[in-house]
Amino acid sequence: MGVNLKELIPPKARREVELRELKGKVIALDAYNALYQFLASIRQPDGTPLMDSRGRVTSHLSGLFYRTINLVENGIKPVYIFDGKPPELKEEEVRRRMEAREKAEKLYQEALKAGRLEEARRYAQMASRLTRDMVEDAKRLLNAMGIPWVQAPAEGEAQAAHLVKKGDAWAVGSQDYDSLLFGSPRLVRNLSITGKRKLPRRNVEIEVKPEIIELDKLLSSLGLTREQLVVIAMLIGTDYNPGGVKGFGPKKALSFVKDKDPAVALKMLPRHQFPVEPEEIYKYFLEPQVTDDYKVEWREPDGEAIHEILVSEHDFSEQRVKNAVERLKTAYRKHIKTKQLGLDMWFG
C-alpha cells in the first residue's frame, strides 16, 4: 500500500484545506487508490458491497460518480490515472496483497457466519478486489462524464507525478505518499474520503479535510534531498521491498541517511534483506516508466451514456442519476467550459 512517510512529515510541509480552496486546480488522481477506497467504504453493515441485480459490484461506480461530481462542483478539474502493468520489482508485494485478501475473505465469511457484523465488515473491506471489468466500467463512466483519464504504462502514481512535473496538473491526489518519491511537487490526500467519517471500531465521527503536502517544504524541513528521501523510504519499506530493513523505523532511517551521500547510504544497506538489488529500487523511484502519450481534455457530459451505464446496465436509481447528471452539467458549465481562458488560472 505504498510507503508510510506520515511520521516524517513536519507541520511546515503539510496543511489542511477546505475542498473549495482547491478551486481552479487540476488534480491527477490515482484511480486505483480511489476505487479501492470506494470499494472499502461503500458497503452494507455486514460488509456486503453495493451490487446490481446480476450480482455485479457497483460500489466503485457509485463512489466514482458522486465523488467526481462533488469535486467538479467545487471547481476542481480531476484527471484519473490508471495503473498499467506492475514492474517486476513489485512481484513480492503483489503476491503479498493477494494472500492478504484471500485470508481476509476467509475471515470475513467466518465472522459473517458467526453474526459478528462489525468484524465481518472490517474483513470485507480488507478483502476488496478490483477486477478488470470493474476498471473498464470505471473508464467508460469517466468517458461518459467527460472526465479525462490517462493509462499509465506501469505505476499510476509515477505517471501522476509526471503530469504534475510537466505542468499538466497541479498536484497528485492519493492517500499514499509514493508520488512524492516519484518527484511530484505536491500531494493532496483525502480527496476520496473528504467529509464526516466514522473511526474504525469506535462510535465517533471526525471531519476529514483535504491535506496538501509540498515536496520542497518537506525536503527543506528535514534537510534532505529527494534522493535521500528515497533511501529513507527503502529503509522503512516500499512496494518493492515490503517490510523494509529490520530495526529501522522512520526516525532511525532519517538519522541514518541524513548527512550521507545517497550513493554511500545505498552501499551500506543490508542486501540480504532486499528481494532485488537496492540500486534497482532506488533507480525506479528516480527514473520510473511513464508516457507522454496522453491528452488531458474535459468534454460536455453525455447524460444518455451515463444513464445507459448506471441505470440500464447496473440498476442505479433513475431519478438520482438524472439529478446528479444535472448537477454535473451545471458544474461543468460553471467551472470548466466557461473558464478555459488560459493555463495560468489552473496552475497558479
Protein backbone atom coordinates (compact mmCIF):
# COMPACT_ATOMS: atom_id res chain seq x y z
CA MET A 1 0.00 0.00 0.00
CA GLY A 2 2.92 2.36 -0.58
CA VAL A 3 5.49 3.78 1.80
CA ASN A 4 4.30 5.34 5.05
CA LEU A 5 6.05 8.69 5.46
CA LYS A 6 3.43 10.13 7.82
CA GLU A 7 5.69 10.29 10.89
CA LEU A 8 8.37 12.18 8.98
CA ILE A 9 6.23 14.97 7.56
CA PRO A 10 6.57 18.11 9.72
CA PRO A 11 3.77 20.68 10.19
CA LYS A 12 5.60 23.11 7.87
CA ALA A 13 5.20 20.74 4.93
CA ARG A 14 1.51 19.88 5.36
CA ARG A 15 -1.67 21.87 5.69
CA GLU A 16 -5.36 21.07 5.83
CA VAL A 17 -7.62 22.97 3.46
CA GLU A 18 -11.28 23.18 2.61
CA LEU A 19 -12.27 21.48 -0.63
CA ARG A 20 -13.26 24.83 -2.12
CA GLU A 21 -9.69 26.10 -1.65
CA LEU A 22 -8.61 23.75 -4.45
CA LYS A 23 -10.89 25.54 -6.89
CA GLY A 24 -9.26 26.00 -10.27
CA LYS A 25 -6.70 23.23 -9.75
CA VAL A 26 -6.11 20.24 -12.00
CA ILE A 27 -5.62 17.19 -9.77
CA ALA A 28 -4.14 13.95 -11.14
CA LEU A 29 -5.98 11.32 -9.13
CA ASP A 30 -4.61 7.84 -8.52
CA ALA A 31 -7.57 5.92 -9.95
CA TYR A 32 -6.86 2.54 -8.34
CA ASN A 33 -6.28 4.21 -4.98
CA ALA A 34 -9.64 5.99 -5.23
CA LEU A 35 -11.55 2.94 -6.49
CA TYR A 36 -10.23 0.79 -3.64
CA GLN A 37 -11.31 3.50 -1.20
CA PHE A 38 -14.83 3.35 -2.63
CA LEU A 39 -14.89 -0.46 -2.58
CA ALA A 40 -13.82 -0.47 1.05
CA SER A 41 -16.12 2.26 2.33
CA ILE A 42 -19.36 1.87 0.35
CA ARG A 43 -20.78 -1.28 1.90
CA GLN A 44 -23.75 -2.61 3.84
CA PRO A 45 -23.41 -3.03 7.65
CA ASP A 46 -22.44 -6.69 7.17
CA GLY A 47 -19.70 -5.81 4.68
CA THR A 48 -21.66 -6.64 1.51
CA PRO A 49 -20.80 -4.18 -1.29
CA LEU A 50 -23.39 -2.47 -3.44
CA MET A 51 -24.42 -4.80 -6.27
CA ASP A 52 -26.77 -4.76 -9.24
CA SER A 53 -29.48 -7.36 -9.96
CA ARG A 54 -26.90 -9.62 -11.64
CA GLY A 55 -24.63 -9.65 -8.58
CA ARG A 56 -22.00 -7.34 -10.06
CA VAL A 57 -20.30 -5.00 -7.58
CA THR A 58 -21.16 -1.33 -8.13
CA SER A 59 -19.66 0.36 -5.04
CA HIS A 60 -16.74 1.67 -7.09
CA LEU A 61 -19.05 3.19 -9.73
CA SER A 62 -21.21 4.86 -7.10
CA GLY A 63 -18.19 6.37 -5.38
CA LEU A 64 -16.56 7.43 -8.63
CA PHE A 65 -19.72 9.05 -9.97
CA TYR A 66 -20.85 11.03 -6.95
CA ARG A 67 -17.39 11.93 -5.61
CA THR A 68 -16.25 13.20 -9.02
CA ILE A 69 -19.35 15.37 -9.30
CA ASN A 70 -18.59 16.76 -5.84
CA LEU A 71 -15.05 17.63 -6.94
CA VAL A 72 -16.22 19.39 -10.11
CA GLU A 73 -18.88 21.29 -8.15
CA ASN A 74 -16.05 22.63 -6.01
CA GLY A 75 -14.22 23.84 -9.10
CA ILE A 76 -11.64 21.05 -9.20
CA LYS A 77 -10.64 19.62 -12.58
CA PRO A 78 -9.93 15.91 -11.98
CA VAL A 79 -7.96 13.63 -14.29
CA TYR A 80 -7.75 9.97 -13.28
CA ILE A 81 -4.54 7.97 -13.74
CA PHE A 82 -4.88 4.18 -14.09
CA ASP A 83 -2.14 1.70 -13.23
CA GLY A 84 -0.56 -0.30 -16.02
CA LYS A 85 1.47 -3.48 -15.66
CA PRO A 86 3.24 -3.59 -12.29
CA PRO A 87 7.03 -3.51 -12.61
CA GLU A 88 8.83 -6.78 -11.91
CA LEU A 89 10.19 -5.17 -8.75
CA LYS A 90 6.67 -5.33 -7.33
CA GLU A 91 6.11 -9.09 -7.69
CA GLU A 92 6.56 -9.84 -3.99
CA GLU A 93 4.18 -7.07 -2.93
CA VAL A 94 1.53 -8.14 -5.48
CA ARG A 95 1.75 -11.70 -4.14
CA ARG A 96 1.56 -10.48 -0.54
CA ARG A 97 -1.58 -8.45 -1.28
CA MET A 98 -3.27 -11.40 -2.96
CA GLU A 99 -2.55 -13.62 0.05
CA ALA A 100 -3.79 -10.92 2.45
CA ARG A 101 -7.06 -10.57 0.54
CA GLU A 102 -7.58 -14.34 0.47
CA LYS A 103 -7.02 -14.51 4.22
CA ALA A 104 -9.36 -11.55 4.81
CA GLU A 105 -12.05 -13.18 2.65
CA LYS A 106 -11.87 -16.35 4.74
CA LEU A 107 -12.08 -14.39 7.99
CA TYR A 108 -14.98 -12.37 6.58
CA GLN A 109 -17.01 -15.49 5.86
CA GLU A 110 -16.29 -16.86 9.33
CA ALA A 111 -17.30 -13.60 11.05
CA LEU A 112 -20.43 -13.32 8.91
CA LYS A 113 -21.47 -16.88 9.73
CA ALA A 114 -20.99 -16.19 13.44
CA GLY A 115 -23.03 -12.98 13.25
CA ARG A 116 -20.13 -10.67 14.16
CA LEU A 117 -21.19 -7.98 11.71
CA GLU A 118 -18.77 -5.20 12.64
CA GLU A 119 -15.87 -7.62 12.41
CA ALA A 120 -17.26 -9.00 9.14
CA ARG A 121 -17.41 -5.53 7.62
CA ARG A 122 -13.81 -4.85 8.59
CA TYR A 123 -12.56 -8.05 6.96
CA ALA A 124 -14.75 -7.42 3.90
CA GLN A 125 -13.05 -4.06 3.40
CA MET A 126 -9.65 -5.74 3.56
CA ALA A 127 -10.78 -8.35 1.02
CA SER A 128 -11.81 -5.77 -1.61
CA ARG A 129 -10.86 -6.78 -5.15
CA LEU A 130 -10.71 -4.60 -8.24
CA THR A 131 -11.29 -6.67 -11.37
CA ARG A 132 -10.51 -5.85 -14.99
CA ASP A 133 -14.23 -5.49 -15.76
CA MET A 134 -14.65 -3.06 -12.88
CA VAL A 135 -11.77 -0.95 -14.16
CA GLU A 136 -13.18 -0.91 -17.69
CA ASP A 137 -16.61 0.14 -16.38
CA ALA A 138 -14.93 2.96 -14.44
CA LYS A 139 -13.19 4.19 -17.60
CA ARG A 140 -16.45 4.02 -19.58
CA LEU A 141 -18.21 6.04 -16.89
CA LEU A 142 -15.48 8.70 -16.89
CA ASN A 143 -15.75 8.93 -20.70
CA ALA A 144 -19.49 9.46 -20.39
CA MET A 145 -18.96 12.11 -17.71
CA GLY A 146 -16.46 13.95 -19.91
CA ILE A 147 -13.69 13.45 -17.35
CA PRO A 148 -10.22 12.68 -18.76
CA TRP A 149 -8.18 9.66 -17.72
CA VAL A 150 -4.66 8.52 -18.53
CA GLN A 151 -3.45 4.94 -18.87
CA ALA A 152 -0.05 4.63 -17.21
CA PRO A 153 2.40 2.09 -18.65
CA ALA A 154 3.25 0.95 -15.12
CA GLU A 155 2.76 2.70 -11.76
CA GLY A 156 -0.15 5.15 -11.71
CA GLU A 157 1.44 7.34 -9.04
CA ALA A 158 4.61 7.68 -11.11
CA GLN A 159 2.55 8.77 -14.12
CA ALA A 160 0.51 11.17 -11.99
CA ALA A 161 3.72 12.72 -10.64
CA HIS A 162 4.92 13.04 -14.24
CA LEU A 163 1.83 15.08 -15.14
CA VAL A 164 2.46 17.44 -12.25
CA LYS A 165 6.16 17.84 -13.08
CA LYS A 166 5.22 18.64 -16.69
CA GLY A 167 2.67 21.24 -15.60
CA ASP A 168 -0.34 19.28 -16.90
CA ALA A 169 -1.69 19.02 -13.34
CA TRP A 170 -1.21 20.98 -10.12
CA ALA A 171 -0.96 18.08 -7.70
CA VAL A 172 -1.34 14.32 -7.34
CA GLY A 173 -4.42 13.17 -5.43
CA SER A 174 -3.81 9.95 -3.48
CA GLN A 175 -3.83 8.51 0.03
CA ASP A 176 -0.34 7.12 -0.48
CA TYR A 177 2.90 9.10 -0.31
CA ASP A 178 4.71 7.41 -3.21
CA SER A 179 4.12 10.28 -5.64
CA LEU A 180 6.46 12.42 -3.53
CA LEU A 181 9.20 9.84 -4.04
CA PHE A 182 8.47 9.95 -7.77
CA GLY A 183 9.04 13.71 -7.63
CA SER A 184 5.59 15.27 -7.55
CA PRO A 185 5.90 18.83 -6.21
CA ARG A 186 2.55 18.46 -4.41
CA LEU A 187 0.38 15.72 -2.99
CA VAL A 188 -3.26 16.16 -1.94
CA ARG A 189 -4.58 13.48 0.39
CA ASN A 190 -8.16 12.70 1.50
CA LEU A 191 -9.94 13.80 -1.71
CA SER A 192 -11.74 10.45 -1.93
CA ILE A 193 -12.78 10.45 1.73
CA THR A 194 -13.40 14.13 2.48
CA GLY A 195 -16.35 14.65 4.83
CA LYS A 196 -17.60 13.02 8.02
CA ARG A 197 -16.09 9.60 8.66
CA LYS A 198 -16.62 7.13 11.48
CA LEU A 199 -13.45 5.96 13.20
CA PRO A 200 -12.89 2.18 12.92
CA ARG A 201 -14.27 0.24 15.91
CA ARG A 202 -15.32 3.48 17.62
CA ASN A 203 -18.70 5.18 17.57
CA VAL A 204 -17.03 8.53 16.84
CA GLU A 205 -17.25 10.68 13.73
CA ILE A 206 -14.49 13.00 12.58
CA GLU A 207 -14.34 15.63 9.86
CA VAL A 208 -11.81 14.64 7.19
CA LYS A 209 -10.39 17.50 5.12
CA PRO A 210 -8.03 17.57 2.15
CA GLU A 211 -4.38 17.81 3.14
CA ILE A 212 -1.70 19.35 0.93
CA ILE A 213 1.90 18.17 1.27
CA GLU A 214 4.59 20.11 -0.59
CA LEU A 215 7.76 18.25 -1.53
CA ASP A 216 10.16 21.20 -1.39
CA LYS A 217 8.96 22.19 2.10
CA LEU A 218 9.21 18.58 3.25
CA LEU A 219 12.79 18.25 2.00
CA SER A 220 13.93 21.62 3.34
CA SER A 221 12.35 20.99 6.74
CA LEU A 222 14.14 17.65 7.06
CA GLY A 223 17.38 18.87 5.47
CA LEU A 224 17.21 16.20 2.78
CA THR A 225 17.41 15.76 -0.94
CA ARG A 226 14.78 13.76 -2.80
CA GLU A 227 17.39 11.05 -3.37
CA GLN A 228 17.96 10.76 0.38
CA LEU A 229 14.19 10.59 0.94
CA VAL A 230 14.04 7.62 -1.42
CA VAL A 231 16.71 5.78 0.59
CA ILE A 232 14.75 6.51 3.79
CA ALA A 233 11.64 5.04 2.16
CA MET A 234 13.59 1.91 1.24
CA LEU A 235 14.67 1.51 4.86
CA ILE A 236 11.07 1.89 6.08
CA GLY A 237 9.65 -0.36 3.36
CA THR A 238 8.19 0.25 -0.10
CA ASP A 239 6.07 -1.75 -2.52
CA TYR A 240 9.35 -3.04 -3.96
CA ASN A 241 10.83 -4.16 -0.63
CA PRO A 242 7.87 -4.81 1.72
CA GLY A 243 8.88 -4.76 5.36
CA GLY A 244 11.89 -2.56 4.78
CA VAL A 245 15.09 -3.17 6.73
CA LYS A 246 14.83 -4.86 10.11
CA GLY A 247 15.17 -2.47 13.03
CA PHE A 248 14.50 0.70 11.05
CA GLY A 249 11.55 2.97 11.68
CA PRO A 250 11.07 6.46 10.24
CA LYS A 251 13.17 8.30 12.83
CA LYS A 252 16.08 5.85 12.76
CA ALA A 253 16.02 5.85 8.96
CA LEU A 254 16.17 9.66 8.92
CA SER A 255 19.10 9.65 11.33
CA PHE A 256 20.93 7.01 9.26
CA VAL A 257 20.55 8.80 5.92
CA LYS A 258 20.91 12.44 6.95
CA ASP A 259 24.27 13.99 6.02
CA LYS A 260 25.18 10.92 3.93
CA ASP A 261 25.60 10.89 0.20
CA PRO A 262 22.72 8.68 -1.06
CA ALA A 263 25.18 6.56 -3.06
CA VAL A 264 27.13 5.87 0.14
CA ALA A 265 23.95 5.11 2.09
CA LEU A 266 22.85 2.67 -0.62
CA LYS A 267 26.11 0.71 -0.34
CA MET A 268 25.60 0.38 3.40
CA LEU A 269 22.18 -1.27 3.09
CA PRO A 270 21.95 -4.97 4.05
CA ARG A 271 21.37 -6.50 0.61
CA HIS A 272 20.18 -9.83 2.02
CA GLN A 273 17.06 -8.04 3.29
CA PHE A 274 16.06 -6.87 -0.20
CA PRO A 275 14.24 -9.02 -2.79
CA VAL A 276 16.25 -7.30 -5.54
CA GLU A 277 19.36 -5.14 -5.64
CA PRO A 278 18.68 -1.91 -3.68
CA GLU A 279 20.04 0.13 -6.60
CA GLU A 280 17.21 -1.15 -8.80
CA ILE A 281 14.57 0.16 -6.40
CA TYR A 282 16.39 3.45 -5.98
CA LYS A 283 16.67 3.93 -9.75
CA TYR A 284 12.99 3.10 -10.33
CA PHE A 285 11.81 5.86 -8.00
CA LEU A 286 14.07 8.37 -9.76
CA GLU A 287 13.50 7.13 -13.32
CA PRO A 288 10.10 5.36 -13.42
CA GLN A 289 8.39 4.16 -16.56
CA VAL A 290 5.99 6.89 -17.74
CA THR A 291 4.49 8.08 -21.01
CA ASP A 292 3.86 11.40 -22.75
CA ASP A 293 1.23 9.80 -24.97
CA TYR A 294 -1.88 11.29 -23.37
CA LYS A 295 -4.32 14.18 -23.63
CA VAL A 296 -5.95 15.95 -20.70
CA GLU A 297 -9.22 17.30 -22.08
CA TRP A 298 -12.64 17.77 -20.49
CA ARG A 299 -15.83 17.32 -22.51
CA GLU A 300 -19.53 18.06 -22.04
CA PRO A 301 -21.10 15.21 -20.01
CA ASP A 302 -23.20 12.74 -22.03
CA GLY A 303 -26.36 12.17 -19.98
CA GLU A 304 -27.63 9.33 -22.18
CA ALA A 305 -24.34 7.42 -21.94
CA ILE A 306 -24.28 7.86 -18.16
CA HIS A 307 -27.88 6.61 -17.96
CA GLU A 308 -27.01 3.57 -20.07
CA ILE A 309 -24.10 2.57 -17.84
CA LEU A 310 -25.56 3.29 -14.42
CA VAL A 311 -29.31 2.81 -14.82
CA SER A 312 -29.76 0.37 -17.72
CA GLU A 313 -26.72 -1.81 -17.01
CA HIS A 314 -26.29 -1.53 -13.25
CA ASP A 315 -29.72 -0.69 -11.82
CA PHE A 316 -28.92 2.69 -10.27
CA SER A 317 -31.90 4.86 -9.32
CA GLU A 318 -33.00 6.65 -12.47
CA GLN A 319 -34.11 9.79 -10.64
CA ARG A 320 -30.95 10.01 -8.54
CA VAL A 321 -28.75 9.63 -11.61
CA LYS A 322 -30.80 12.19 -13.53
CA ASN A 323 -30.46 14.72 -10.72
CA ALA A 324 -26.74 14.04 -10.43
CA VAL A 325 -26.21 14.49 -14.17
CA GLU A 326 -27.88 17.88 -13.97
CA ARG A 327 -25.54 18.80 -11.12
CA LEU A 328 -22.55 17.68 -13.19
CA LYS A 329 -23.65 19.66 -16.25
CA THR A 330 -24.23 22.78 -14.15
CA ALA A 331 -20.82 22.41 -12.50
CA TYR A 332 -19.18 21.80 -15.88
CA ARG A 333 -20.64 24.97 -17.36
CA LYS A 334 -19.69 26.99 -14.28
CA HIS A 335 -16.17 25.73 -13.62
CA ILE A 336 -14.82 24.12 -16.78
CA LYS A 337 -16.41 25.09 -20.07
CA THR A 338 -16.72 28.81 -19.37
CA LYS A 339 -13.37 29.11 -17.62
CA GLN A 340 -10.92 28.00 -20.30
CA LEU A 341 -9.27 31.40 -20.57
CA GLY A 342 -5.68 30.22 -20.32
CA LEU A 343 -3.45 27.92 -18.31
CA ASP A 344 -2.35 30.45 -15.68
CA MET A 345 -5.60 30.26 -13.74
CA TRP A 346 -5.33 26.49 -13.38
CA PHE A 347 -1.75 26.36 -12.17
CA GLY A 348 -1.38 29.46 -10.09
